Amino acid sequence: MFAYLTAVGQSQYDETVTQLEHARQTAALAEADGYDQPAQVAALLHDIGHLLLDEHDAHRDFLVEDLHHEIVGARYLTRWFGPDLGAPAALHVKAKRYLVATDPAYANSLSEASTRSLRVQGGPMTGKEVDDFLRLQHADLALALRRWDDNAKRVNVAVPELGHWRPAVCRCVRACLES
């Protein structure tokens, strides 16, 4: 998995960072906020669906059609890491829709890529969708993940190398396989 992330993660995530840089920055933000290793691994791998779908900024149709990278990624993560890692990845797009619907300042803070993707992902949630989202088991972690995701698009940020999370990834896989 680390070789795959290293190779395929060199594609551009958006106008500023590669997929791998984005993943590392997201995980580093989770770690800096004091979240446990499963949350850090969820942050590291939350966009793996983009990689599995070969969905990146170099393609002309990137963010033109919603390929549901969050669902593709969540299926992969749930299989190997369990639902506690898969669910936040599945919900991080809904978390963006929730935040846009409930926090006007949030919508104004989105990057160009996030603003484009919001349009194809359904736009802001309705009132009923907001209520339903808040009742979901992993909504709180998904909201934290969304904030890390939005802040993990910075150029030349010093964060740990990918290997920093290898022990955590291995522990999470092992825990899932043993359960």
Protein backbone atom coordinates (compact mmCIF):
# COMPACT_ATOMS: atom_id res chain seq x y z
CA MET A 1 0.00 0.00 0.00
CA PHE A 2 2.80 2.44 0.82
CA ALA A 3 4.48 1.83 -2.55
CA TYR A 4 1.13 2.44 -4.27
CA LEU A 5 0.53 5.64 -2.31
CA THR A 6 4.03 6.86 -3.07
CA ALA A 7 3.77 6.15 -6.81
CA VAL A 8 0.18 7.11 -7.55
CA GLY A 9 0.11 9.86 -4.95
CA GLN A 10 2.43 12.02 -7.07
CA SER A 11 -0.56 13.14 -9.13
CA GLN A 12 -1.83 16.64 -8.41
CA TYR A 13 -4.65 16.84 -5.87
CA ASP A 14 -5.46 20.42 -6.82
CA GLU A 15 -3.66 23.55 -7.87
CA THR A 16 -1.27 23.43 -4.91
CA VAL A 17 -0.31 19.94 -3.68
CA THR A 18 0.00 16.32 -4.75
CA GLN A 19 -2.38 13.64 -3.51
CA LEU A 20 0.38 12.28 -1.25
CA GLU A 21 1.22 15.70 0.19
CA HIS A 22 -2.47 16.24 0.89
CA ALA A 23 -2.75 12.85 2.64
CA ARG A 24 0.33 13.49 4.79
CA GLN A 25 -0.81 16.99 5.72
CA THR A 26 -4.28 15.72 6.65
CA ALA A 27 -2.84 13.00 8.90
CA ALA A 28 -0.38 15.44 10.47
CA LEU A 29 -3.25 17.78 11.36
CA ALA A 30 -5.11 14.89 13.02
CA GLU A 31 -1.98 14.04 14.97
CA ALA A 32 -1.40 17.68 15.97
CA ASP A 33 -4.98 17.87 17.25
CA GLY A 34 -4.28 14.89 19.53
CA TYR A 35 -6.46 12.34 17.75
CA ASP A 36 -5.68 8.64 18.14
CA GLN A 37 -3.87 6.53 15.56
CA PRO A 38 -7.04 5.15 13.91
CA ALA A 39 -8.22 8.72 13.31
CA GLN A 40 -4.79 9.62 11.92
CA VAL A 41 -4.92 6.63 9.56
CA ALA A 42 -8.44 7.61 8.49
CA ALA A 43 -7.11 11.10 7.79
CA LEU A 44 -4.11 9.74 5.88
CA LEU A 45 -6.26 7.50 3.67
CA HIS A 46 -9.53 9.45 3.45
CA ASP A 47 -9.02 10.31 -0.24
CA ILE A 48 -7.72 6.92 -1.38
CA GLY A 49 -10.82 6.69 -3.56
CA HIS A 50 -9.37 9.46 -5.76
CA LEU A 51 -6.28 7.29 -6.31
CA LEU A 52 -8.25 4.10 -6.93
CA LEU A 53 -10.38 5.95 -9.50
CA ASP A 54 -7.32 7.65 -11.09
CA GLU A 55 -9.14 10.90 -10.37
CA HIS A 56 -6.81 13.90 -10.24
CA ASP A 57 -6.25 17.45 -11.42
CA ALA A 58 -4.44 16.47 -14.65
CA HIS A 59 -7.63 14.96 -16.11
CA ARG A 60 -9.80 17.42 -17.99
CA ASP A 61 -12.94 15.96 -16.42
CA PHE A 62 -11.69 16.07 -12.83
CA LEU A 63 -14.48 17.39 -10.61
CA VAL A 64 -16.88 17.64 -13.56
CA GLU A 65 -18.69 14.44 -12.64
CA ASP A 66 -18.99 13.00 -9.14
CA LEU A 67 -17.41 9.54 -9.14
CA HIS A 68 -18.09 9.22 -5.39
CA HIS A 69 -14.46 8.81 -4.38
CA GLU A 70 -15.56 8.84 -0.75
CA ILE A 71 -17.70 5.71 -1.23
CA VAL A 72 -15.03 3.89 -3.26
CA GLY A 73 -12.42 4.76 -0.64
CA ALA A 74 -14.68 3.84 2.26
CA ARG A 75 -15.33 0.38 0.81
CA TYR A 76 -11.61 -0.24 0.57
CA LEU A 77 -10.91 1.16 4.03
CA THR A 78 -13.77 -0.74 5.67
CA ARG A 79 -12.57 -4.01 4.17
CA TRP A 80 -9.01 -3.65 5.49
CA PHE A 81 -9.42 -1.37 8.50
CA GLY A 82 -13.03 -1.76 9.62
CA PRO A 83 -15.97 0.64 9.75
CA ASP A 84 -14.41 3.00 12.30
CA LEU A 85 -11.92 4.04 9.61
CA GLY A 86 -14.18 3.57 6.61
CA ALA A 87 -17.14 5.58 7.90
CA PRO A 88 -15.32 8.91 8.39
CA ALA A 89 -13.95 8.62 4.84
CA ALA A 90 -17.45 7.86 3.57
CA LEU A 91 -18.82 10.92 5.37
CA HIS A 92 -16.16 13.55 4.64
CA VAL A 93 -18.00 14.83 1.55
CA LYS A 94 -21.28 15.00 3.46
CA ALA A 95 -19.39 16.84 6.20
CA LYS A 96 -18.41 19.51 3.66
CA ARG A 97 -22.03 19.81 2.53
CA TYR A 98 -23.09 20.08 6.19
CA LEU A 99 -20.55 22.80 6.98
CA VAL A 100 -21.50 24.83 3.90
CA ALA A 101 -25.15 24.63 4.97
CA THR A 102 -24.53 25.60 8.59
CA ASP A 103 -21.54 27.95 8.53
CA PRO A 104 -21.52 30.79 5.96
CA ALA A 105 -17.87 31.60 6.69
CA TYR A 106 -16.92 28.01 5.89
CA ALA A 107 -18.24 28.25 2.32
CA ASN A 108 -16.13 31.36 1.73
CA SER A 109 -13.01 29.57 2.96
CA LEU A 110 -13.15 26.68 0.47
CA SER A 111 -10.40 26.27 -2.11
CA GLU A 112 -11.26 26.54 -5.78
CA ALA A 113 -11.16 22.74 -6.12
CA SER A 114 -13.44 22.22 -3.10
CA THR A 115 -15.90 24.79 -4.41
CA ARG A 116 -16.01 23.06 -7.80
CA SER A 117 -16.44 19.63 -6.24
CA LEU A 118 -19.20 20.90 -3.92
CA ARG A 119 -21.35 21.70 -6.95
CA VAL A 120 -21.13 18.15 -8.34
CA GLN A 121 -21.48 16.58 -4.88
CA GLY A 122 -24.92 18.04 -4.25
CA GLY A 123 -24.26 21.49 -2.84
CA PRO A 124 -25.25 22.52 0.68
CA MET A 125 -27.38 20.09 2.70
CA THR A 126 -31.08 20.69 3.23
CA GLY A 127 -32.41 21.09 6.76
CA LYS A 128 -33.48 17.44 6.87
CA GLU A 129 -30.08 16.29 5.59
CA VAL A 130 -28.39 18.37 8.32
CA ASP A 131 -30.53 16.70 11.00
CA ASP A 132 -29.91 13.24 9.55
CA PHE A 133 -26.16 13.84 9.31
CA LEU A 134 -25.85 14.86 12.95
CA ARG A 135 -27.41 11.55 14.02
CA LEU A 136 -24.75 9.48 12.25
CA GLN A 137 -22.33 7.56 14.48
CA HIS A 138 -19.15 9.01 12.98
CA ALA A 139 -20.39 12.55 12.24
CA ASP A 140 -18.04 14.20 14.76
CA LEU A 141 -14.92 12.53 13.37
CA ALA A 142 -16.10 13.22 9.81
CA LEU A 143 -16.42 16.93 10.65
CA ALA A 144 -12.92 17.00 12.15
CA LEU A 145 -11.62 15.13 9.10
CA ARG A 146 -13.29 17.66 6.82
CA ARG A 147 -11.57 20.55 8.58
CA TRP A 148 -8.19 18.81 8.34
CA ASP A 149 -8.90 18.04 4.68
CA ASP A 150 -9.60 21.70 3.95
CA ASN A 151 -6.44 22.83 5.71
CA ALA A 152 -4.20 20.21 4.09
CA LYS A 153 -3.58 21.99 0.82
CA ARG A 154 -0.60 24.13 1.72
CA VAL A 155 2.62 24.43 -0.24
CA ASN A 156 5.95 23.58 1.43
CA VAL A 157 4.54 22.51 4.80
CA ALA A 158 6.88 20.40 6.93
CA VAL A 159 5.08 17.18 7.86
CA PRO A 160 6.33 13.68 8.62
CA GLU A 161 7.15 11.36 5.74
CA LEU A 162 4.62 8.69 4.80
CA GLY A 163 6.56 6.04 6.73
CA HIS A 164 5.79 7.86 9.97
CA TRP A 165 2.29 6.33 9.84
CA ARG A 166 3.38 2.81 8.81
CA PRO A 167 3.24 1.41 12.39
CA ALA A 168 -0.22 2.92 12.92
CA VAL A 169 -1.48 1.56 9.59
CA CYS A 170 -0.13 -1.91 10.43
CA ARG A 171 -1.73 -1.84 13.89
CA CYS A 172 -5.08 -0.80 12.44
CA VAL A 173 -5.03 -3.55 9.79
CA ARG A 174 -4.01 -6.12 12.40
CA ALA A 175 -6.79 -5.00 14.76
CA CYS A 176 -9.35 -5.34 11.97
CA LEU A 177 -8.13 -8.79 10.93
CA GLU A 178 -8.15 -10.01 14.54
CA SER A 179 -11.68 -8.81 15.24
